[in-house]
Amino acid sequence: MTGRGIDQILPRPCSPELYEGHVRDARDYVRLAERANGSIPKPVAPGYIWGDALEELGRVAPDLRIVNLETSITRHAHPWPGKGIHYRMHPDNATCLQAGGIHCCTLANNHVLDWGYPGLAETCQVLDSLGITSRSPTVISPAT
């Protein structure tokens, strides 16, 4: 999940407002993490979010690195109405997926439409521009 707090520590975060019941600012998640684990440098390099996993992935050398992208990659400003949690990361921060050596992102999850159809379209465009394959279900109704 590269949205919310993760996006806020990367070089170009989205606007931090959230539409959740209890947390209204994504930077609050960063503050909670820092309270539990110590200071987090900001901004961090794109590979920072992978931590020790990058070394292990390099050692194992899998043929493919596939993730379920539980985040929209979009600048779209309008969250899906009535949905409680909306994940989003700025398109410029999607290089963190390249830093992780990701080959393919599945989008079949409950966050695929957090920022509506425009957010989904931009997510797919960004992934294509990075050379990362994306797979999404045929969308009939909003994710809830």
N, C-alpha and C. Protein backbone atom coordinates (compact mmCIF):
# COMPACT_ATOMS: atom_id res chain seq x y z
N MET A 1 0.85 -1.17 0.00
CA MET A 1 0.00 0.00 0.00
C MET A 1 0.89 1.23 0.00
N THR A 2 1.06 1.79 -1.16
CA THR A 2 1.97 2.94 -1.29
C THR A 2 1.24 4.28 -1.15
N GLY A 3 -0.02 4.25 -0.80
CA GLY A 3 -0.77 5.48 -0.58
C GLY A 3 -0.67 5.92 0.87
N ARG A 4 -1.41 6.93 1.19
CA ARG A 4 -1.47 7.51 2.54
C ARG A 4 -0.08 7.87 3.04
N GLY A 5 0.38 7.31 4.14
CA GLY A 5 1.65 7.70 4.75
C GLY A 5 2.86 7.45 3.88
N ILE A 6 2.88 6.35 3.14
CA ILE A 6 4.04 6.05 2.29
C ILE A 6 4.21 7.16 1.25
N ASP A 7 3.14 7.54 0.59
CA ASP A 7 3.20 8.60 -0.41
C ASP A 7 3.74 9.89 0.20
N GLN A 8 3.40 10.15 1.45
CA GLN A 8 3.80 11.40 2.10
C GLN A 8 5.29 11.50 2.37
N ILE A 9 6.01 10.38 2.43
CA ILE A 9 7.45 10.45 2.67
C ILE A 9 8.26 10.38 1.38
N LEU A 10 7.61 10.08 0.27
CA LEU A 10 8.28 10.03 -1.02
C LEU A 10 8.46 11.45 -1.55
N PRO A 11 9.29 11.64 -2.60
CA PRO A 11 9.64 12.99 -3.04
C PRO A 11 8.49 13.92 -3.44
N ARG A 12 7.42 13.38 -4.00
CA ARG A 12 6.34 14.27 -4.47
C ARG A 12 4.98 13.73 -4.01
N PRO A 13 4.60 13.99 -2.78
CA PRO A 13 3.34 13.43 -2.26
C PRO A 13 2.10 14.13 -2.82
N CYS A 14 1.01 13.36 -2.82
CA CYS A 14 -0.30 13.93 -3.13
C CYS A 14 -0.71 14.85 -1.99
N SER A 15 -1.73 15.61 -2.21
CA SER A 15 -2.32 16.40 -1.14
C SER A 15 -2.71 15.44 -0.02
N PRO A 16 -2.43 15.77 1.24
CA PRO A 16 -2.58 14.80 2.32
C PRO A 16 -4.00 14.60 2.86
N GLU A 17 -5.01 15.35 2.39
CA GLU A 17 -6.31 15.18 3.01
C GLU A 17 -6.88 13.80 2.72
N LEU A 18 -7.48 13.25 3.77
CA LEU A 18 -8.10 11.93 3.70
C LEU A 18 -9.59 12.06 3.96
N TYR A 19 -10.33 11.07 3.56
CA TYR A 19 -11.78 11.09 3.70
C TYR A 19 -12.22 9.93 4.58
N GLU A 20 -11.45 9.66 5.61
CA GLU A 20 -11.72 8.57 6.53
C GLU A 20 -12.49 9.09 7.74
N GLY A 21 -13.06 8.17 8.47
CA GLY A 21 -13.84 8.56 9.64
C GLY A 21 -13.02 9.17 10.76
N HIS A 22 -11.78 8.71 10.95
CA HIS A 22 -11.00 9.15 12.10
C HIS A 22 -9.75 9.94 11.73
N VAL A 23 -9.14 9.64 10.62
CA VAL A 23 -7.90 10.32 10.22
C VAL A 23 -8.20 11.16 8.99
N ARG A 24 -7.85 12.43 9.06
CA ARG A 24 -8.15 13.36 7.96
C ARG A 24 -6.91 13.83 7.22
N ASP A 25 -5.72 13.43 7.68
CA ASP A 25 -4.47 13.90 7.09
C ASP A 25 -3.50 12.71 7.03
N ALA A 26 -3.04 12.38 5.84
CA ALA A 26 -2.15 11.22 5.66
C ALA A 26 -0.84 11.36 6.43
N ARG A 27 -0.44 12.57 6.74
CA ARG A 27 0.79 12.76 7.50
C ARG A 27 0.66 12.26 8.93
N ASP A 28 -0.59 12.12 9.40
CA ASP A 28 -0.80 11.54 10.73
C ASP A 28 -0.29 10.10 10.79
N TYR A 29 -0.40 9.36 9.68
CA TYR A 29 0.13 8.00 9.66
C TYR A 29 1.65 7.99 9.77
N VAL A 30 2.29 8.98 9.16
CA VAL A 30 3.75 9.10 9.28
C VAL A 30 4.12 9.40 10.72
N ARG A 31 3.40 10.31 11.36
CA ARG A 31 3.68 10.64 12.76
C ARG A 31 3.48 9.42 13.67
N LEU A 32 2.46 8.63 13.41
CA LEU A 32 2.24 7.40 14.20
C LEU A 32 3.41 6.43 14.02
N ALA A 33 3.87 6.26 12.80
CA ALA A 33 5.00 5.37 12.53
C ALA A 33 6.26 5.88 13.22
N GLU A 34 6.47 7.18 13.18
CA GLU A 34 7.65 7.74 13.82
C GLU A 34 7.58 7.60 15.34
N ARG A 35 6.40 7.75 15.89
CA ARG A 35 6.24 7.58 17.33
C ARG A 35 6.61 6.15 17.74
N ALA A 36 6.28 5.19 16.91
CA ALA A 36 6.55 3.78 17.23
C ALA A 36 7.97 3.35 16.87
N ASN A 37 8.56 3.96 15.82
CA ASN A 37 9.82 3.44 15.29
C ASN A 37 10.95 4.44 15.18
N GLY A 38 10.70 5.69 15.52
CA GLY A 38 11.74 6.71 15.37
C GLY A 38 11.56 7.51 14.10
N SER A 39 12.40 8.51 13.95
CA SER A 39 12.31 9.46 12.85
C SER A 39 12.44 8.78 11.48
N ILE A 40 11.66 9.25 10.53
CA ILE A 40 11.74 8.79 9.15
C ILE A 40 12.26 9.96 8.33
N PRO A 41 13.32 9.75 7.57
CA PRO A 41 13.84 10.85 6.75
C PRO A 41 12.83 11.20 5.65
N LYS A 42 12.75 12.48 5.31
CA LYS A 42 11.83 12.90 4.25
C LYS A 42 12.52 13.93 3.38
N PRO A 43 12.45 13.83 2.09
CA PRO A 43 11.87 12.72 1.36
C PRO A 43 12.84 11.54 1.31
N VAL A 44 12.27 10.37 1.11
CA VAL A 44 13.08 9.17 1.00
C VAL A 44 13.27 8.81 -0.47
N ALA A 45 14.32 8.08 -0.76
CA ALA A 45 14.55 7.58 -2.12
C ALA A 45 13.48 6.53 -2.44
N PRO A 46 13.15 6.36 -3.71
CA PRO A 46 12.10 5.40 -4.08
C PRO A 46 12.31 3.98 -3.55
N GLY A 47 13.53 3.53 -3.42
CA GLY A 47 13.78 2.17 -2.93
C GLY A 47 13.64 2.01 -1.43
N TYR A 48 13.60 3.11 -0.70
CA TYR A 48 13.53 3.08 0.77
C TYR A 48 12.37 2.25 1.28
N ILE A 49 11.23 2.35 0.64
CA ILE A 49 10.03 1.69 1.16
C ILE A 49 10.11 0.17 1.14
N TRP A 50 11.04 -0.38 0.38
CA TRP A 50 11.18 -1.83 0.29
C TRP A 50 12.04 -2.40 1.41
N GLY A 51 12.80 -1.53 2.08
CA GLY A 51 13.63 -1.99 3.19
C GLY A 51 14.55 -3.14 2.80
N ASP A 52 14.65 -4.12 3.68
CA ASP A 52 15.52 -5.27 3.46
C ASP A 52 15.00 -6.22 2.38
N ALA A 53 13.77 -6.03 1.95
CA ALA A 53 13.20 -6.92 0.93
C ALA A 53 13.97 -6.85 -0.38
N LEU A 54 14.52 -5.69 -0.73
CA LEU A 54 15.27 -5.58 -1.98
C LEU A 54 16.49 -6.49 -2.00
N GLU A 55 17.20 -6.53 -0.89
CA GLU A 55 18.37 -7.41 -0.82
C GLU A 55 17.95 -8.88 -0.95
N GLU A 56 16.88 -9.23 -0.26
CA GLU A 56 16.40 -10.62 -0.32
C GLU A 56 15.89 -10.98 -1.71
N LEU A 57 15.16 -10.07 -2.34
CA LEU A 57 14.69 -10.32 -3.70
C LEU A 57 15.87 -10.46 -4.66
N GLY A 58 16.92 -9.66 -4.45
CA GLY A 58 18.11 -9.79 -5.27
C GLY A 58 18.79 -11.13 -5.08
N ARG A 59 18.79 -11.61 -3.84
CA ARG A 59 19.40 -12.91 -3.55
C ARG A 59 18.61 -14.04 -4.18
N VAL A 60 17.30 -14.00 -4.05
CA VAL A 60 16.44 -15.07 -4.56
C VAL A 60 16.28 -14.98 -6.08
N ALA A 61 16.30 -13.76 -6.62
CA ALA A 61 16.19 -13.50 -8.05
C ALA A 61 14.97 -14.16 -8.69
N PRO A 62 13.76 -13.81 -8.26
CA PRO A 62 12.57 -14.39 -8.87
C PRO A 62 12.45 -13.98 -10.34
N ASP A 63 11.84 -14.83 -11.13
CA ASP A 63 11.64 -14.51 -12.55
C ASP A 63 10.70 -13.34 -12.74
N LEU A 64 9.71 -13.24 -11.87
CA LEU A 64 8.73 -12.16 -11.94
C LEU A 64 8.47 -11.60 -10.55
N ARG A 65 8.24 -10.32 -10.50
CA ARG A 65 7.82 -9.66 -9.26
C ARG A 65 6.44 -9.06 -9.51
N ILE A 66 5.45 -9.67 -8.89
CA ILE A 66 4.06 -9.27 -9.08
C ILE A 66 3.51 -8.80 -7.75
N VAL A 67 2.85 -7.64 -7.74
CA VAL A 67 2.23 -7.12 -6.52
C VAL A 67 0.77 -6.81 -6.79
N ASN A 68 0.00 -6.83 -5.73
CA ASN A 68 -1.36 -6.33 -5.78
C ASN A 68 -1.29 -4.86 -5.36
N LEU A 69 -1.50 -3.97 -6.29
CA LEU A 69 -1.38 -2.54 -6.02
C LEU A 69 -2.65 -2.04 -5.34
N GLU A 70 -2.60 -1.93 -4.03
CA GLU A 70 -3.76 -1.50 -3.23
C GLU A 70 -3.80 0.02 -3.15
N THR A 71 -3.48 0.68 -4.24
CA THR A 71 -3.40 2.14 -4.26
C THR A 71 -3.65 2.63 -5.67
N SER A 72 -4.39 3.71 -5.81
CA SER A 72 -4.49 4.38 -7.11
C SER A 72 -3.26 5.27 -7.29
N ILE A 73 -2.81 5.37 -8.52
CA ILE A 73 -1.70 6.27 -8.85
C ILE A 73 -2.33 7.40 -9.65
N THR A 74 -2.66 8.48 -8.97
CA THR A 74 -3.44 9.51 -9.64
C THR A 74 -3.34 10.87 -8.98
N ARG A 75 -3.57 11.90 -9.78
CA ARG A 75 -3.71 13.27 -9.29
C ARG A 75 -5.19 13.62 -9.14
N HIS A 76 -6.06 12.72 -9.53
CA HIS A 76 -7.49 13.00 -9.51
C HIS A 76 -7.92 13.43 -8.11
N ALA A 77 -8.72 14.48 -8.05
CA ALA A 77 -9.03 15.11 -6.76
C ALA A 77 -10.35 14.68 -6.14
N HIS A 78 -11.12 13.84 -6.81
CA HIS A 78 -12.45 13.51 -6.31
C HIS A 78 -12.55 12.03 -5.93
N PRO A 79 -12.60 11.74 -4.63
CA PRO A 79 -12.73 10.35 -4.20
C PRO A 79 -14.11 9.79 -4.55
N TRP A 80 -14.19 8.46 -4.62
CA TRP A 80 -15.47 7.82 -4.88
C TRP A 80 -16.40 8.14 -3.71
N PRO A 81 -17.57 8.69 -3.99
CA PRO A 81 -18.48 9.09 -2.91
C PRO A 81 -18.98 7.89 -2.09
N GLY A 82 -19.03 8.09 -0.79
CA GLY A 82 -19.59 7.08 0.10
C GLY A 82 -18.63 5.97 0.50
N LYS A 83 -17.42 5.96 -0.07
CA LYS A 83 -16.43 4.94 0.28
C LYS A 83 -15.62 5.47 1.46
N GLY A 84 -15.32 4.63 2.43
CA GLY A 84 -14.69 5.08 3.66
C GLY A 84 -13.20 5.35 3.58
N ILE A 85 -12.47 4.63 2.76
CA ILE A 85 -11.01 4.78 2.70
C ILE A 85 -10.61 4.87 1.24
N HIS A 86 -9.76 5.85 0.94
CA HIS A 86 -9.30 6.09 -0.42
C HIS A 86 -7.78 6.15 -0.43
N TYR A 87 -7.14 5.20 -1.08
CA TYR A 87 -5.68 5.21 -1.18
C TYR A 87 -5.27 5.87 -2.49
N ARG A 88 -4.21 6.68 -2.40
CA ARG A 88 -3.71 7.36 -3.60
C ARG A 88 -2.24 7.69 -3.40
N MET A 89 -1.48 7.57 -4.47
CA MET A 89 -0.11 8.06 -4.46
C MET A 89 0.09 8.92 -5.70
N HIS A 90 1.00 9.88 -5.60
CA HIS A 90 1.27 10.77 -6.72
C HIS A 90 1.97 9.98 -7.84
N PRO A 91 1.61 10.23 -9.10
CA PRO A 91 2.25 9.51 -10.20
C PRO A 91 3.77 9.62 -10.22
N ASP A 92 4.32 10.74 -9.79
CA ASP A 92 5.78 10.89 -9.78
C ASP A 92 6.44 9.94 -8.77
N ASN A 93 5.68 9.47 -7.80
CA ASN A 93 6.23 8.54 -6.80
C ASN A 93 6.16 7.08 -7.23
N ALA A 94 5.53 6.82 -8.37
CA ALA A 94 5.40 5.44 -8.84
C ALA A 94 6.74 4.82 -9.20
N THR A 95 7.79 5.63 -9.25
CA THR A 95 9.12 5.08 -9.48
C THR A 95 9.53 4.13 -8.35
N CYS A 96 8.83 4.20 -7.22
CA CYS A 96 9.12 3.24 -6.14
C CYS A 96 8.81 1.82 -6.60
N LEU A 97 7.88 1.66 -7.53
CA LEU A 97 7.59 0.32 -8.07
C LEU A 97 8.74 -0.16 -8.95
N GLN A 98 9.31 0.75 -9.72
CA GLN A 98 10.50 0.40 -10.51
C GLN A 98 11.67 0.06 -9.60
N ALA A 99 11.83 0.82 -8.52
CA ALA A 99 12.91 0.57 -7.58
C ALA A 99 12.79 -0.82 -6.97
N GLY A 100 11.56 -1.31 -6.84
CA GLY A 100 11.33 -2.66 -6.33
C GLY A 100 11.43 -3.73 -7.40
N GLY A 101 11.70 -3.32 -8.63
CA GLY A 101 11.83 -4.27 -9.73
C GLY A 101 10.51 -4.94 -10.08
N ILE A 102 9.40 -4.25 -9.84
CA ILE A 102 8.08 -4.83 -10.09
C ILE A 102 7.83 -4.95 -11.58
N HIS A 103 7.38 -6.13 -11.99
CA HIS A 103 7.06 -6.39 -13.40
C HIS A 103 5.57 -6.21 -13.70
N CYS A 104 4.74 -6.55 -12.72
CA CYS A 104 3.29 -6.55 -12.96
C CYS A 104 2.56 -6.15 -11.68
N CYS A 105 1.53 -5.32 -11.85
CA CYS A 105 0.65 -4.95 -10.73
C CYS A 105 -0.76 -5.43 -11.04
N THR A 106 -1.32 -6.21 -10.13
CA THR A 106 -2.74 -6.53 -10.27
C THR A 106 -3.52 -5.40 -9.62
N LEU A 107 -4.68 -5.14 -10.16
CA LEU A 107 -5.52 -4.06 -9.66
C LEU A 107 -6.87 -4.58 -9.19
N ALA A 108 -6.98 -5.88 -9.05
CA ALA A 108 -8.25 -6.51 -8.65
C ALA A 108 -8.37 -6.46 -7.13
N ASN A 109 -8.77 -5.31 -6.62
CA ASN A 109 -8.91 -5.15 -5.18
C ASN A 109 -9.95 -4.08 -4.88
N ASN A 110 -10.22 -3.86 -3.62
CA ASN A 110 -11.26 -2.93 -3.24
C ASN A 110 -10.83 -1.45 -3.32
N HIS A 111 -9.63 -1.18 -3.80
CA HIS A 111 -9.18 0.21 -3.93
C HIS A 111 -9.03 0.64 -5.38
N VAL A 112 -9.37 -0.21 -6.32
CA VAL A 112 -9.18 0.07 -7.73
C VAL A 112 -9.96 1.31 -8.19
N LEU A 113 -11.09 1.59 -7.57
CA LEU A 113 -11.89 2.76 -7.95
C LEU A 113 -11.96 3.82 -6.85
N ASP A 114 -11.00 3.85 -5.95
CA ASP A 114 -11.02 4.85 -4.89
C ASP A 114 -11.14 6.27 -5.43
N TRP A 115 -10.56 6.53 -6.58
CA TRP A 115 -10.58 7.86 -7.18
C TRP A 115 -11.32 7.84 -8.51
N GLY A 116 -12.31 6.96 -8.59
CA GLY A 116 -13.20 6.90 -9.74
C GLY A 116 -12.52 6.34 -10.98
N TYR A 117 -13.27 6.38 -12.06
CA TYR A 117 -12.75 5.89 -13.34
C TYR A 117 -11.57 6.70 -13.84
N PRO A 118 -11.57 8.04 -13.63
CA PRO A 118 -10.38 8.80 -14.03
C PRO A 118 -9.13 8.36 -13.27
N GLY A 119 -9.26 8.05 -11.99
CA GLY A 119 -8.12 7.57 -11.21
C GLY A 119 -7.61 6.22 -11.69
N LEU A 120 -8.54 5.34 -12.06
CA LEU A 120 -8.14 4.04 -12.60
C LEU A 120 -7.43 4.21 -13.94
N ALA A 121 -7.97 5.06 -14.80
CA ALA A 121 -7.34 5.28 -16.10
C ALA A 121 -5.93 5.85 -15.94
N GLU A 122 -5.75 6.81 -15.03
CA GLU A 122 -4.42 7.39 -14.82
C GLU A 122 -3.47 6.35 -14.23
N THR A 123 -3.97 5.52 -13.32
CA THR A 123 -3.15 4.44 -12.75
C THR A 123 -2.60 3.57 -13.87
N CYS A 124 -3.46 3.13 -14.76
CA CYS A 124 -3.02 2.27 -15.87
C CYS A 124 -2.05 2.98 -16.79
N GLN A 125 -2.29 4.27 -17.06
CA GLN A 125 -1.38 5.04 -17.91
C GLN A 125 -0.01 5.17 -17.28
N VAL A 126 0.04 5.45 -15.98
CA VAL A 126 1.32 5.59 -15.29
C VAL A 126 2.09 4.27 -15.32
N LEU A 127 1.40 3.18 -15.00
CA LEU A 127 2.07 1.87 -15.02
C LEU A 127 2.59 1.56 -16.42
N ASP A 128 1.80 1.82 -17.44
CA ASP A 128 2.25 1.60 -18.82
C ASP A 128 3.49 2.43 -19.12
N SER A 129 3.51 3.70 -18.69
CA SER A 129 4.65 4.57 -18.97
C SER A 129 5.92 4.08 -18.28
N LEU A 130 5.77 3.36 -17.18
CA LEU A 130 6.92 2.81 -16.46
C LEU A 130 7.31 1.42 -16.96
N GLY A 131 6.55 0.90 -17.92
CA GLY A 131 6.84 -0.44 -18.43
C GLY A 131 6.39 -1.54 -17.50
N ILE A 132 5.43 -1.23 -16.62
CA ILE A 132 4.91 -2.21 -15.67
C ILE A 132 3.54 -2.67 -16.16
N THR A 133 3.38 -3.95 -16.32
CA THR A 133 2.10 -4.50 -16.78
C THR A 133 1.08 -4.36 -15.67
N SER A 134 -0.16 -4.03 -16.04
CA SER A 134 -1.23 -3.98 -15.05
C SER A 134 -2.39 -4.83 -15.52
N ARG A 135 -3.06 -5.43 -14.59
CA ARG A 135 -4.22 -6.26 -14.87
C ARG A 135 -5.33 -5.82 -13.97
N SER A 136 -6.47 -5.51 -14.56
CA SER A 136 -7.62 -5.06 -13.81
C SER A 136 -8.85 -5.83 -14.26
N PRO A 137 -9.77 -6.07 -13.34
CA PRO A 137 -11.00 -6.73 -13.74
C PRO A 137 -11.84 -5.77 -14.57
N THR A 138 -12.79 -6.32 -15.32
CA THR A 138 -13.77 -5.48 -15.97
C THR A 138 -14.60 -4.85 -14.86
N VAL A 139 -14.63 -3.54 -14.83
CA VAL A 139 -15.28 -2.83 -13.73
C VAL A 139 -16.74 -2.58 -14.10
N ILE A 140 -17.63 -3.10 -13.28
CA ILE A 140 -19.06 -2.92 -13.50
C ILE A 140 -19.64 -1.99 -12.46
N SER A 141 -19.21 -2.12 -11.21
CA SER A 141 -19.71 -1.26 -10.14
C SER A 141 -18.55 -0.85 -9.26
N PRO A 142 -18.74 0.20 -8.47
CA PRO A 142 -17.63 0.69 -7.63
C PRO A 142 -17.23 -0.31 -6.57
N ALA A 143 -15.92 -0.24 -6.24
CA ALA A 143 -15.40 -1.06 -5.13
C ALA A 143 -15.95 -0.50 -3.83
N THR A 144 -16.27 -1.38 -2.91
CA THR A 144 -16.79 -0.90 -1.62
C THR A 144 -15.96 -1.47 -0.50
